[in-house]
Amino acid sequence: MNFVNIFNQNMKKRRRCYCRYFVGSELHGLKEAISTQNTYRHLGWSILLCVAVSIAIVNTIHMCADYYQNQLETSYSKHVVPRLEFPSVIICPKSPDALNFERVKKEITKVLPMLNDSQIIDLIIYAIGDTGLVNAHYVMVNKSEEHFAKFNRMIKAWRGRRDQKKFYEDLFEHHGNGYTCTQLFKECRLGALTINCCELFESHYVMLRGRCFRMKEFYQTDPGFYGRLYIGMNELPSLTAKDGKQVQLVAFLATPRSEISTFPRYYLTKQASTKISIKLRMFDMDPDFTRCHDDGETRGRAACYLRQWLYEKFVNPHNCTPFYMQYRTHGVDVCETGVIAKTYENVLDLATKENICMAACSRSEREYKVVRRNTEASRSLGFNETHPYRLELHYEDLEYENYAEVRITTLPGFVSQVGGQLGLFLGVTVMSIAQMILNLYVFLHERLQRLRKTLKTSQPPA
């Protein structure tokens, strides 16, 4: 007897049909594979079913791996809008000693009448440096303890009964000591429309630079050159410059409503035009896969760096803060006279111990293209631009680019793909799987009952 005959005889001995376990339903090939009486058809259906199940399992495993890896893709789009917000422009004197010398001198000589003009200037610069502002090296660095003690006594005599914060606010802002908005700004225009500079700018303090003026929320509504913002500025005084005038002005460009650290900044030179074209990009990153934080743009990298610098240089070592940064350190007092002066070089060292600052996940970034022209004057839109310092900003087009990270595999998509695999290769749905589980339960329950009966009948009588 050959192998085929033996195989056919054994197949005839098998149970022909398990139909009663299928609750009267067709399971897309499974019932056909089990119930058919033709051996070859039975094998064919079984092999086809195994191949389909194997392919479905392999594809499902790959989909599960993709789901747990949370693969991303970056989408890009460009949007045209009716207006774009300008970056926050902050104008500062290069040196923080832009003060009215005669008024400050009058205040000092009331309590220290023995000082001459040179000594008064040194005392003012020492007071400025003792707040952590730049350009005070010559009275701060490599000095003896007697030097610091002498200047500290004079500062305390000058301060009188005022606290530190009130003393410095009076020095920079009140009693005509500091420069005013009208002294700094000469003319502002949006396109051909003249606007009030002092309604557009407000007083603001910047780390290391001191008192500046910051632009409020403002928008460009026309594209290119015709929607440009023009800012014409005057010269400011300087106590240490030979000619009594600031050498340069500094323009910082910050994200609106956010902090500004030390960059980006641009130096404005006298009798030169600085023209800046802007390109806006918006980013929406996934915090689970990109090194960023989701606390919002106002708490972005610049705010983080400013806070880190503030705590490393002032709060942690001295438990105090410069008067203009007290709003950043709630509950911390302003540094007393002489505290910052002794560590002045360390304060100006912008390096921090570790780089822990991250960009915001949802943020705007602006690319600046700067062109400087050293010309005495220019004529534009009917205006003669003869102001000592000139700054122009504009977006080339009223549009922005948007970049967003999108997860390729989401939970609904994952469920849909699993269902697609089962449906494509097996024609199985959730109801089919539930029915298969029920059939398996019925089959096992019957087998278990039969096994129990067999065990009972095989036991010898007592």
Protein backbone atom coordinates (compact mmCIF):
# COMPACT_ATOMS: atom_id res chain seq x y z
CA MET A 1 0.00 0.00 0.00
CA ASN A 2 1.55 3.27 -1.03
CA PHE A 3 1.75 6.47 1.00
CA VAL A 4 -1.22 8.15 -0.70
CA ASN A 5 -3.57 5.28 0.17
CA ILE A 6 -2.43 5.26 3.80
CA PHE A 7 -2.93 9.02 4.01
CA ASN A 8 -6.43 8.78 2.49
CA GLN A 9 -7.46 6.01 4.90
CA ASN A 10 -6.30 8.04 7.90
CA MET A 11 -8.14 11.10 6.67
CA LYS A 12 -11.36 9.06 6.40
CA LYS A 13 -11.09 8.14 10.08
CA ARG A 14 -11.09 11.86 11.12
CA ARG A 15 -14.23 13.64 12.20
CA ARG A 16 -15.69 15.10 9.06
CA CYS A 17 -17.31 18.24 10.41
CA TYR A 18 -17.13 20.55 13.40
CA CYS A 19 -20.11 22.50 12.13
CA ARG A 20 -21.91 22.51 15.47
CA TYR A 21 -19.11 24.64 16.93
CA PHE A 22 -19.67 27.52 14.48
CA VAL A 23 -23.06 28.68 15.65
CA GLY A 24 -24.34 28.57 12.08
CA SER A 25 -21.97 31.24 10.68
CA GLU A 26 -19.34 31.25 7.94
CA LEU A 27 -15.85 32.37 9.03
CA HIS A 28 -14.32 33.26 5.65
CA GLY A 29 -12.54 30.02 4.85
CA LEU A 30 -12.05 28.58 8.33
CA LYS A 31 -15.27 26.55 8.24
CA GLU A 32 -14.54 25.45 4.66
CA ALA A 33 -11.07 24.28 5.67
CA ILE A 34 -12.43 22.17 8.53
CA SER A 35 -15.73 20.84 7.20
CA THR A 36 -14.78 19.85 3.64
CA GLN A 37 -14.62 16.08 3.00
CA ASN A 38 -12.12 16.41 0.17
CA THR A 39 -8.59 15.90 1.52
CA TYR A 40 -6.81 18.07 -1.04
CA ARG A 41 -9.33 20.83 -0.72
CA HIS A 42 -8.93 20.58 3.03
CA LEU A 43 -5.14 20.97 2.71
CA GLY A 44 -5.44 23.79 0.18
CA TRP A 45 -7.77 25.80 2.37
CA SER A 46 -5.61 25.17 5.44
CA ILE A 47 -2.41 26.27 3.67
CA LEU A 48 -4.09 29.39 2.28
CA LEU A 49 -5.47 30.22 5.70
CA CYS A 50 -2.04 29.79 7.35
CA VAL A 51 -0.34 31.97 4.74
CA ALA A 52 -2.95 34.71 5.17
CA VAL A 53 -2.68 34.57 8.95
CA SER A 54 1.14 34.72 8.75
CA ILE A 55 1.10 37.76 6.45
CA ALA A 56 -1.45 39.51 8.66
CA ILE A 57 0.62 38.77 11.78
CA VAL A 58 3.87 40.05 10.22
CA ASN A 59 2.25 43.26 8.98
CA THR A 60 0.53 43.79 12.32
CA ILE A 61 3.85 43.39 14.16
CA HIS A 62 5.41 46.04 11.92
CA MET A 63 2.47 48.36 12.53
CA CYS A 64 2.77 47.85 16.29
CA ALA A 65 6.47 48.70 16.11
CA ASP A 66 5.71 51.87 14.15
CA TYR A 67 3.01 52.80 16.64
CA TYR A 68 5.31 52.45 19.66
CA GLN A 69 8.09 54.36 17.89
CA ASN A 70 5.62 57.18 17.17
CA GLN A 71 7.17 58.06 13.84
CA LEU A 72 6.95 61.68 12.80
CA GLU A 73 6.88 63.66 9.62
CA THR A 74 7.31 67.40 9.15
CA SER A 75 4.60 69.23 7.26
CA TYR A 76 5.31 72.52 5.49
CA SER A 77 2.84 75.18 4.44
CA LYS A 78 2.91 78.83 3.46
CA HIS A 79 0.19 81.25 4.55
CA VAL A 80 -0.67 84.68 3.15
CA VAL A 81 -2.16 87.02 5.77
CA PRO A 82 -3.50 90.60 5.75
CA ARG A 83 -0.96 91.76 8.36
CA LEU A 84 2.14 90.63 10.25
CA GLU A 85 3.34 91.75 13.66
CA PHE A 86 6.70 93.47 13.75
CA PRO A 87 9.34 92.08 16.09
CA SER A 88 9.65 93.99 19.32
CA VAL A 89 12.25 96.69 18.62
CA ILE A 90 14.29 97.81 21.64
CA ILE A 91 16.54 100.86 21.28
CA CYS A 92 19.35 101.34 23.81
CA PRO A 93 22.33 103.66 24.13
CA LYS A 94 25.55 101.70 23.71
CA SER A 95 26.72 102.89 27.11
CA PRO A 96 24.21 103.13 30.00
CA ASP A 97 25.64 106.53 31.04
CA ALA A 98 23.16 108.49 28.89
CA LEU A 99 22.39 110.89 31.75
CA ASN A 100 21.98 114.63 32.21
CA PHE A 101 25.29 115.38 33.87
CA GLU A 102 24.41 118.82 35.18
CA ARG A 103 21.27 117.62 36.98
CA VAL A 104 23.00 114.59 38.50
CA LYS A 105 26.00 116.74 39.47
CA LYS A 106 23.72 119.19 41.25
CA GLU A 107 22.20 116.34 43.26
CA ILE A 108 25.60 114.90 44.23
CA THR A 109 27.25 118.18 45.22
CA LYS A 110 24.51 118.81 47.77
CA VAL A 111 25.94 116.00 49.92
CA LEU A 112 29.49 115.73 48.52
CA PRO A 113 30.54 119.30 47.70
CA MET A 114 34.27 118.49 47.70
CA LEU A 115 34.14 116.42 44.46
CA ASN A 116 35.23 117.86 41.11
CA ASP A 117 33.64 116.97 37.75
CA SER A 118 35.99 114.06 37.04
CA GLN A 119 35.36 112.54 40.47
CA ILE A 120 31.61 112.99 40.06
CA ILE A 121 31.69 111.15 36.72
CA ASP A 122 33.68 108.32 38.32
CA LEU A 123 31.12 108.11 41.12
CA ILE A 124 28.21 107.97 38.64
CA ILE A 125 29.93 105.26 36.58
CA TYR A 126 30.62 103.30 39.78
CA ALA A 127 26.93 103.51 40.69
CA ILE A 128 25.98 102.32 37.19
CA GLY A 129 28.46 99.43 37.32
CA ASP A 130 27.18 98.43 40.76
CA THR A 131 23.89 97.46 39.07
CA GLY A 132 25.64 95.04 36.68
CA LEU A 133 25.62 97.30 33.61
CA VAL A 134 28.41 97.51 31.02
CA ASN A 135 31.22 100.04 30.41
CA ALA A 136 32.28 100.56 34.04
CA HIS A 137 35.55 98.61 33.92
CA TYR A 138 37.86 101.49 34.66
CA VAL A 139 36.36 102.05 38.14
CA MET A 140 35.58 98.39 38.91
CA VAL A 141 38.31 96.03 37.74
CA ASN A 142 41.59 95.35 39.62
CA LYS A 143 40.84 97.77 42.45
CA SER A 144 41.74 97.54 46.13
CA GLU A 145 39.40 97.07 49.07
CA GLU A 146 40.05 100.69 50.07
CA HIS A 147 38.88 101.80 46.62
CA PHE A 148 35.58 99.94 46.95
CA ALA A 149 35.08 101.12 50.54
CA LYS A 150 35.64 104.74 49.52
CA PHE A 151 33.12 104.63 46.66
CA ASN A 152 30.60 102.71 48.76
CA ARG A 153 30.67 105.44 51.43
CA MET A 154 30.09 108.13 48.80
CA ILE A 155 27.23 106.17 47.19
CA LYS A 156 25.51 105.75 50.56
CA ALA A 157 25.91 109.46 51.29
CA TRP A 158 24.47 110.31 47.86
CA ARG A 159 21.60 107.84 48.30
CA GLY A 160 20.54 109.23 51.66
CA ARG A 161 17.37 107.67 53.08
CA ARG A 162 16.23 106.19 49.79
CA ASP A 163 16.32 102.44 49.30
CA GLN A 164 18.37 100.94 46.48
CA LYS A 165 15.49 100.62 44.02
CA LYS A 166 14.26 104.18 44.57
CA PHE A 167 17.80 105.52 44.29
CA TYR A 168 18.40 103.95 40.88
CA GLU A 169 14.94 104.79 39.56
CA ASP A 170 15.65 108.43 40.41
CA LEU A 171 19.06 108.21 38.71
CA PHE A 172 17.80 106.76 35.42
CA GLU A 173 14.23 108.03 35.13
CA HIS A 174 13.21 110.85 37.46
CA HIS A 175 14.06 114.50 38.08
CA GLY A 176 15.27 114.91 34.51
CA ASN A 177 18.37 112.78 35.15
CA GLY A 178 17.79 110.23 32.37
CA TYR A 179 17.01 110.79 28.72
CA THR A 180 13.39 110.99 27.60
CA CYS A 181 11.46 109.50 24.70
CA THR A 182 11.38 112.82 22.85
CA GLN A 183 15.14 113.20 23.27
CA LEU A 184 15.76 109.79 21.68
CA PHE A 185 13.19 109.64 18.88
CA LYS A 186 12.94 112.23 16.15
CA GLU A 187 10.42 110.71 13.72
CA CYS A 188 8.57 107.43 13.15
CA ARG A 189 6.67 106.39 10.02
CA LEU A 190 4.72 103.39 8.80
CA GLY A 191 5.01 103.60 5.04
CA ALA A 192 4.17 107.23 4.24
CA LEU A 193 2.14 107.70 7.45
CA THR A 194 3.83 109.65 10.25
CA ILE A 195 3.14 108.24 13.71
CA ASN A 196 3.91 109.36 17.26
CA CYS A 197 7.07 107.58 18.43
CA CYS A 198 6.29 108.05 22.11
CA GLU A 199 2.92 106.36 21.68
CA LEU A 200 4.71 103.47 19.99
CA PHE A 201 7.59 103.04 22.49
CA GLU A 202 7.75 102.68 26.27
CA SER A 203 10.56 102.60 28.83
CA HIS A 204 12.12 99.16 29.35
CA TYR A 205 15.26 97.75 31.03
CA VAL A 206 17.58 95.31 29.25
CA MET A 207 20.22 93.13 30.91
CA LEU A 208 23.66 94.78 30.89
CA ARG A 209 22.34 97.78 28.89
CA GLY A 210 20.11 99.48 31.42
CA ARG A 211 17.22 101.75 30.52
CA CYS A 212 16.01 101.52 26.91
CA PHE A 213 12.79 102.01 24.95
CA ARG A 214 10.76 99.07 23.68
CA MET A 215 8.18 99.07 20.90
CA LYS A 216 4.64 98.02 21.75
CA GLU A 217 2.50 95.66 19.66
CA PHE A 218 2.57 96.93 16.08
CA TYR A 219 1.71 95.47 12.65
CA GLN A 220 2.74 95.81 9.02
CA THR A 221 -0.29 95.96 6.74
CA ASP A 222 1.30 96.60 3.34
CA PRO A 223 3.90 94.37 1.69
CA GLY A 224 7.52 95.23 1.19
CA PHE A 225 8.88 98.75 1.12
CA TYR A 226 5.44 100.41 1.25
CA GLY A 227 4.69 98.85 4.62
CA ARG A 228 8.09 99.49 6.18
CA LEU A 229 8.60 100.94 9.66
CA TYR A 230 11.04 103.85 9.73
CA ILE A 231 12.56 105.07 13.00
CA GLY A 232 14.67 108.24 13.02
CA MET A 233 16.67 108.90 16.19
CA ASN A 234 18.73 111.66 17.77
CA GLU A 235 22.10 111.54 19.47
CA LEU A 236 22.13 110.80 23.20
CA PRO A 237 24.56 112.11 25.83
CA SER A 238 27.41 110.08 27.29
CA LEU A 239 29.40 110.95 30.42
CA THR A 240 32.52 109.08 29.32
CA ALA A 241 32.72 109.92 25.59
CA LYS A 242 35.19 112.63 24.61
CA ASP A 243 32.59 114.62 22.68
CA GLY A 244 29.86 113.96 25.26
CA LYS A 245 27.77 111.91 22.77
CA GLN A 246 27.01 108.20 22.51
CA VAL A 247 29.27 106.48 19.99
CA GLN A 248 26.45 104.21 18.78
CA LEU A 249 22.92 103.09 19.55
CA VAL A 250 21.98 99.43 19.89
CA ALA A 251 18.80 97.91 18.41
CA PHE A 252 17.59 94.61 19.87
CA LEU A 253 14.94 92.61 18.02
CA ALA A 254 12.86 90.35 20.24
CA THR A 255 9.85 88.11 19.81
CA PRO A 256 6.78 90.20 20.77
CA ARG A 257 5.80 89.93 24.46
CA SER A 258 8.89 87.87 25.30
CA GLU A 259 12.14 88.56 27.13
CA ILE A 260 15.30 89.71 25.41
CA SER A 261 18.77 88.58 26.45
CA THR A 262 21.80 89.78 24.48
CA PHE A 263 20.94 88.74 20.91
CA PRO A 264 19.94 89.48 18.25
CA ARG A 265 21.32 92.99 18.42
CA TYR A 266 22.49 95.46 15.78
CA TYR A 267 24.70 98.50 16.28
CA LEU A 268 23.42 101.70 14.72
CA THR A 269 26.08 104.09 13.50
CA LYS A 270 25.70 107.84 13.18
CA GLN A 271 24.69 109.10 9.73
CA ALA A 272 24.09 105.59 8.43
CA SER A 273 20.91 103.76 7.47
CA THR A 274 20.32 100.25 8.79
CA LYS A 275 17.68 98.41 6.77
CA ILE A 276 16.39 95.06 7.99
CA SER A 277 14.12 92.78 5.97
CA ILE A 278 12.28 90.10 7.92
CA LYS A 279 11.11 86.59 7.11
CA LEU A 280 8.73 84.88 9.55
CA ARG A 281 8.59 81.16 10.29
CA MET A 282 6.19 79.43 12.66
CA PHE A 283 7.08 76.13 14.33
CA ASP A 284 4.85 73.58 16.05
CA MET A 285 7.07 70.80 17.39
CA ASP A 286 6.14 67.66 19.33
CA PRO A 287 7.61 67.90 22.89
CA ASP A 288 7.82 64.10 23.17
CA PHE A 289 10.35 63.86 20.34
CA THR A 290 11.93 67.30 19.95
CA ARG A 291 14.03 69.00 22.62
CA CYS A 292 11.68 71.84 23.45
CA HIS A 293 9.25 72.92 26.14
CA ASP A 294 5.52 73.52 25.85
CA ASP A 295 5.16 76.38 28.37
CA GLY A 296 4.61 78.96 25.64
CA GLU A 297 6.77 81.33 23.64
CA THR A 298 6.97 84.01 26.36
CA ARG A 299 8.97 81.50 28.45
CA GLY A 300 11.27 80.62 25.58
CA ARG A 301 15.04 80.35 25.31
CA ALA A 302 15.75 84.05 25.94
CA ALA A 303 13.67 84.11 29.13
CA CYS A 304 15.35 80.91 30.32
CA TYR A 305 18.85 82.25 29.65
CA LEU A 306 18.04 85.54 31.39
CA ARG A 307 16.78 83.70 34.46
CA GLN A 308 19.78 81.34 34.50
CA TRP A 309 22.22 84.26 34.25
CA LEU A 310 20.34 86.14 36.97
CA TYR A 311 20.42 83.23 39.42
CA GLU A 312 24.02 82.18 38.73
CA LYS A 313 25.44 85.70 38.99
CA PHE A 314 23.26 87.29 41.67
CA VAL A 315 20.58 85.27 43.45
CA ASN A 316 22.50 82.09 44.32
CA PRO A 317 25.82 83.66 45.41
CA HIS A 318 24.48 86.90 46.96
CA ASN A 319 20.74 86.32 47.54
CA CYS A 320 19.95 89.60 45.80
CA THR A 321 19.14 91.00 42.37
CA PRO A 322 19.79 94.18 40.33
CA PHE A 323 17.03 96.73 40.84
CA TYR A 324 15.74 96.41 37.27
CA MET A 325 15.42 92.60 37.49
CA GLN A 326 13.49 92.35 40.74
CA TYR A 327 10.29 91.45 38.86
CA ARG A 328 12.05 88.25 37.72
CA THR A 329 12.97 87.13 41.25
CA HIS A 330 9.94 87.44 43.51
CA GLY A 331 10.82 87.84 47.17
CA VAL A 332 14.52 88.65 46.55
CA ASP A 333 15.83 92.04 47.67
CA VAL A 334 17.83 94.48 45.55
CA CYS A 335 21.59 94.11 45.99
CA GLU A 336 23.13 96.49 48.51
CA THR A 337 25.83 98.97 47.56
CA GLY A 338 29.16 97.33 46.68
CA VAL A 339 27.93 93.74 46.34
CA ILE A 340 27.96 93.64 42.54
CA ALA A 341 30.99 95.91 42.22
CA LYS A 342 33.34 93.32 43.73
CA THR A 343 32.22 90.63 41.26
CA TYR A 344 31.82 92.92 38.25
CA GLU A 345 33.94 90.86 35.84
CA ASN A 346 32.02 87.70 36.69
CA VAL A 347 28.70 89.47 36.10
CA LEU A 348 29.75 90.50 32.58
CA ASP A 349 30.88 86.96 31.79
CA LEU A 350 27.85 85.68 29.89
CA ALA A 351 28.91 82.03 30.05
CA THR A 352 26.72 79.88 32.30
CA LYS A 353 27.57 76.58 33.97
CA GLU A 354 25.27 74.47 31.82
CA ASN A 355 23.05 74.92 28.82
CA ILE A 356 19.59 73.95 30.05
CA CYS A 357 17.57 76.39 27.98
CA MET A 358 15.31 75.07 25.24
CA ALA A 359 13.18 76.76 22.64
CA ALA A 360 9.41 76.70 22.91
CA CYS A 361 7.69 73.93 20.97
CA SER A 362 5.18 76.37 19.50
CA ARG A 363 7.11 79.47 18.54
CA SER A 364 7.82 82.06 15.89
CA GLU A 365 11.29 82.68 14.50
CA ARG A 366 12.36 85.60 12.38
CA GLU A 367 15.21 85.66 9.91
CA TYR A 368 16.83 89.08 9.52
CA LYS A 369 18.70 90.33 6.48
CA VAL A 370 20.62 93.51 7.27
CA VAL A 371 21.87 96.14 4.82
CA ARG A 372 23.86 99.16 6.04
CA ARG A 373 24.46 102.25 3.96
CA ASN A 374 26.85 104.96 5.12
CA THR A 375 25.19 107.94 3.47
CA GLU A 376 24.67 111.43 4.75
CA ALA A 377 21.03 111.54 3.74
CA SER A 378 18.48 109.81 1.54
CA ARG A 379 15.09 110.66 0.13
CA SER A 380 12.23 108.18 0.36
CA LEU A 381 8.45 108.47 -0.06
CA GLY A 382 8.78 112.24 -0.17
CA PHE A 383 10.79 112.55 3.08
CA ASN A 384 14.36 113.73 3.55
CA GLU A 385 15.89 111.23 5.97
CA THR A 386 18.58 113.32 7.66
CA HIS A 387 18.28 112.01 11.21
CA PRO A 388 21.55 111.01 12.93
CA TYR A 389 20.43 107.39 13.39
CA ARG A 390 18.06 105.62 10.99
CA LEU A 391 16.49 102.18 11.27
CA GLU A 392 14.07 100.56 8.79
CA LEU A 393 12.23 97.26 9.14
CA HIS A 394 9.81 95.48 6.85
CA TYR A 395 8.54 92.08 5.75
CA GLU A 396 9.13 91.43 2.07
CA ASP A 397 5.71 89.78 1.76
CA LEU A 398 2.76 89.44 4.10
CA GLU A 399 3.20 85.71 4.47
CA TYR A 400 4.82 83.21 6.78
CA GLU A 401 6.08 79.64 6.57
CA ASN A 402 4.67 77.05 8.94
CA TYR A 403 6.50 73.88 10.01
CA ALA A 404 4.68 71.27 12.09
CA GLU A 405 5.64 67.83 13.36
CA VAL A 406 2.83 65.33 12.80
CA ARG A 407 2.71 61.80 14.17
CA ILE A 408 2.32 59.32 11.34
CA THR A 409 0.73 56.62 13.51
CA THR A 410 -2.08 57.61 15.85
CA LEU A 411 -4.36 55.36 17.88
CA PRO A 412 -7.34 55.68 15.48
CA GLY A 413 -5.00 55.15 12.52
CA PHE A 414 -3.40 52.16 14.22
CA VAL A 415 -6.80 50.53 14.85
CA SER A 416 -7.81 51.24 11.27
CA GLN A 417 -4.63 49.66 9.89
CA VAL A 418 -5.00 46.54 12.04
CA GLY A 419 -8.57 46.19 10.85
CA GLY A 420 -7.39 46.66 7.29
CA GLN A 421 -4.81 43.88 7.61
CA LEU A 422 -7.34 41.43 9.04
CA GLY A 423 -9.93 42.40 6.47
CA LEU A 424 -7.51 42.22 3.53
CA PHE A 425 -5.99 38.82 4.26
CA LEU A 426 -8.67 37.09 6.33
CA GLY A 427 -11.89 38.98 5.87
CA VAL A 428 -12.12 39.10 9.65
CA THR A 429 -13.86 41.80 11.69
CA VAL A 430 -14.14 42.39 15.41
CA MET A 431 -17.38 40.38 15.40
CA SER A 432 -15.58 37.54 13.61
CA ILE A 433 -12.87 37.50 16.27
CA ALA A 434 -15.50 37.46 19.02
CA GLN A 435 -17.24 34.57 17.28
CA MET A 436 -13.95 32.64 16.98
CA ILE A 437 -13.32 33.07 20.72
CA LEU A 438 -16.85 31.83 21.45
CA ASN A 439 -16.34 28.82 19.17
CA LEU A 440 -13.06 27.99 20.89
CA TYR A 441 -14.77 28.16 24.26
CA VAL A 442 -17.55 25.80 23.12
CA PHE A 443 -15.02 23.37 21.67
CA LEU A 444 -12.83 23.31 24.80
CA HIS A 445 -15.81 23.06 27.12
CA GLU A 446 -17.13 19.99 25.25
CA ARG A 447 -13.70 18.36 25.27
CA LEU A 448 -13.33 18.99 29.00
CA GLN A 449 -16.74 17.48 29.75
CA ARG A 450 -15.91 14.42 27.66
CA LEU A 451 -12.58 14.04 29.48
CA ARG A 452 -14.33 14.13 32.85
CA LYS A 453 -16.77 11.43 31.79
CA THR A 454 -13.90 9.27 30.56
CA LEU A 455 -12.07 9.63 33.87
CA LYS A 456 -15.19 8.71 35.85
CA THR A 457 -15.88 5.58 33.82
CA SER A 458 -12.25 4.46 34.03
CA GLN A 459 -12.17 4.54 37.83
CA PRO A 460 -12.65 1.09 39.50
CA PRO A 461 -15.72 0.66 41.72
CA ALA A 462 -15.17 1.16 45.48
